[in-house]
Amino acid sequence: MIYLLAFFCSPLALLLTGKPISAMFNFILYVLSIAFWITIIFHSVGLALWAIGVLHAVLAIHDTREARRARRIVAAYRARN
């Protein structure tokens, strides 16, 4: 579900994941993409910036989930030994 939110509103998805610095960077990309979409001349640049923002959000969310999973595995291993 968070990946779907990252597709439509990537800064909010990053905030909900707990990455405020990445969310600020992504918000700047998001605003720039909207500004370029409004202009007719640089319409494709806006699409590219939006795609970069979505890709950044998806990769950051995936990285956070993998780190959380690794911490759980290490904690379970330490509790067992």
C-alpha atoms as a PDB file:
ATOM      1  CA  MET A   1       0.000   0.000   0.000  1.00  0.00           C
ATOM      2  CA  ILE A   2       2.869   2.353   0.776  1.00  0.00           C
ATOM      3  CA  TYR A   3       4.257   1.748  -2.724  1.00  0.00           C
ATOM      4  CA  LEU A   4       0.952   2.861  -4.229  1.00  0.00           C
ATOM      5  CA  LEU A   5       1.129   6.013  -2.138  1.00  0.00           C
ATOM      6  CA  ALA A   6       4.715   6.496  -3.335  1.00  0.00           C
ATOM      7  CA  PHE A   7       3.453   6.414  -6.903  1.00  0.00           C
ATOM      8  CA  PHE A   8       0.860   9.143  -6.367  1.00  0.00           C
ATOM      9  CA  CYS A   9       2.379  11.267  -3.583  1.00  0.00           C
ATOM     10  CA  SER A  10       5.967  10.274  -3.010  1.00  0.00           C
ATOM     11  CA  PRO A  11       6.897  12.870  -0.334  1.00  0.00           C
ATOM     12  CA  LEU A  12       4.025  11.746   1.886  1.00  0.00           C
ATOM     13  CA  ALA A  13       5.016   8.099   1.502  1.00  0.00           C
ATOM     14  CA  LEU A  14       8.555   8.935   2.573  1.00  0.00           C
ATOM     15  CA  LEU A  15       7.300  10.858   5.591  1.00  0.00           C
ATOM     16  CA  LEU A  16       5.136   7.928   6.644  1.00  0.00           C
ATOM     17  CA  THR A  17       8.123   5.626   6.273  1.00  0.00           C
ATOM     18  CA  GLY A  18      10.190   7.792   8.616  1.00  0.00           C
ATOM     19  CA  LYS A  19      12.569   9.470   6.186  1.00  0.00           C
ATOM     20  CA  PRO A  20      12.050  13.248   6.627  1.00  0.00           C
ATOM     21  CA  ILE A  21      15.250  14.361   4.853  1.00  0.00           C
ATOM     22  CA  SER A  22      14.467  12.209   1.835  1.00  0.00           C
ATOM     23  CA  ALA A  23      10.900  13.503   1.929  1.00  0.00           C
ATOM     24  CA  MET A  24      12.133  17.112   1.730  1.00  0.00           C
ATOM     25  CA  PHE A  25      14.369  16.289  -1.238  1.00  0.00           C
ATOM     26  CA  ASN A  26      11.513  14.438  -2.889  1.00  0.00           C
ATOM     27  CA  PHE A  27       9.117  17.312  -2.215  1.00  0.00           C
ATOM     28  CA  ILE A  28      11.454  19.650  -4.096  1.00  0.00           C
ATOM     29  CA  LEU A  29      11.455  17.225  -7.043  1.00  0.00           C
ATOM     30  CA  TYR A  30       7.666  16.980  -6.803  1.00  0.00           C
ATOM     31  CA  VAL A  31       7.173  20.763  -6.865  1.00  0.00           C
ATOM     32  CA  LEU A  32       9.617  21.177  -9.738  1.00  0.00           C
ATOM     33  CA  SER A  33       7.869  18.481 -11.741  1.00  0.00           C
ATOM     34  CA  ILE A  34       4.502  20.199 -11.256  1.00  0.00           C
ATOM     35  CA  ALA A  35       6.027  23.539 -12.240  1.00  0.00           C
ATOM     36  CA  PHE A  36       7.477  22.031 -15.423  1.00  0.00           C
ATOM     37  CA  TRP A  37       4.221  20.230 -16.220  1.00  0.00           C
ATOM     38  CA  ILE A  38       2.387  23.550 -16.136  1.00  0.00           C
ATOM     39  CA  THR A  39       4.682  24.953 -18.805  1.00  0.00           C
ATOM     40  CA  ILE A  40       4.001  23.565 -22.232  1.00  0.00           C
ATOM     41  CA  ILE A  41       7.587  23.764 -23.456  1.00  0.00           C
ATOM     42  CA  PHE A  42       9.219  21.663 -20.702  1.00  0.00           C
ATOM     43  CA  HIS A  43       6.390  19.171 -20.255  1.00  0.00           C
ATOM     44  CA  SER A  44       8.663  16.144 -20.721  1.00  0.00           C
ATOM     45  CA  VAL A  45      11.132  17.483 -18.143  1.00  0.00           C
ATOM     46  CA  GLY A  46       8.295  17.527 -15.608  1.00  0.00           C
ATOM     47  CA  LEU A  47       7.493  13.917 -16.387  1.00  0.00           C
ATOM     48  CA  ALA A  48      11.144  12.935 -15.998  1.00  0.00           C
ATOM     49  CA  LEU A  49      11.428  14.736 -12.635  1.00  0.00           C
ATOM     50  CA  TRP A  50       8.248  13.056 -11.425  1.00  0.00           C
ATOM     51  CA  ALA A  51       9.577   9.647 -12.486  1.00  0.00           C
ATOM     52  CA  ILE A  52      12.873  10.300 -10.689  1.00  0.00           C
ATOM     53  CA  GLY A  53      10.946  11.290  -7.559  1.00  0.00           C
ATOM     54  CA  VAL A  54       8.822   8.150  -7.653  1.00  0.00           C
ATOM     55  CA  LEU A  55      11.864   5.958  -8.253  1.00  0.00           C
ATOM     56  CA  HIS A  56      13.686   7.646  -5.376  1.00  0.00           C
ATOM     57  CA  ALA A  57      10.717   7.092  -3.055  1.00  0.00           C
ATOM     58  CA  VAL A  58      10.284   3.438  -4.003  1.00  0.00           C
ATOM     59  CA  LEU A  59      13.984   2.695  -3.543  1.00  0.00           C
ATOM     60  CA  ALA A  60      14.132   4.535  -0.198  1.00  0.00           C
ATOM     61  CA  ILE A  61      11.041   2.727   1.093  1.00  0.00           C
ATOM     62  CA  HIS A  62      12.428  -0.621  -0.050  1.00  0.00           C
ATOM     63  CA  ASP A  63      15.763   0.120   1.638  1.00  0.00           C
ATOM     64  CA  THR A  64      14.031   1.058   4.891  1.00  0.00           C
ATOM     65  CA  ARG A  65      11.956  -2.120   4.888  1.00  0.00           C
ATOM     66  CA  GLU A  66      15.008  -4.270   4.169  1.00  0.00           C
ATOM     67  CA  ALA A  67      16.974  -2.619   6.988  1.00  0.00           C
ATOM     68  CA  ARG A  68      14.058  -3.193   9.366  1.00  0.00           C
ATOM     69  CA  ARG A  69      13.884  -6.838   8.293  1.00  0.00           C
ATOM     70  CA  ALA A  70      17.638  -7.285   8.798  1.00  0.00           C
ATOM     71  CA  ARG A  71      17.406  -5.791  12.306  1.00  0.00           C
ATOM     72  CA  ARG A  72      14.603  -8.233  13.178  1.00  0.00           C
ATOM     73  CA  ILE A  73      16.651 -11.175  11.916  1.00  0.00           C
ATOM     74  CA  VAL A  74      19.723 -10.095  13.898  1.00  0.00           C
ATOM     75  CA  ALA A  75      17.627  -9.562  17.036  1.00  0.00           C
ATOM     76  CA  ALA A  76      16.060 -13.003  16.672  1.00  0.00           C
ATOM     77  CA  TYR A  77      19.475 -14.574  16.168  1.00  0.00           C
ATOM     78  CA  ARG A  78      20.886 -12.819  19.251  1.00  0.00           C
ATOM     79  CA  ALA A  79      17.877 -13.832  21.342  1.00  0.00           C
ATOM     80  CA  ARG A  80      18.321 -17.436  20.287  1.00  0.00           C
ATOM     81  CA  ASN A  81      22.035 -17.573  21.161  1.00  0.00           C
END
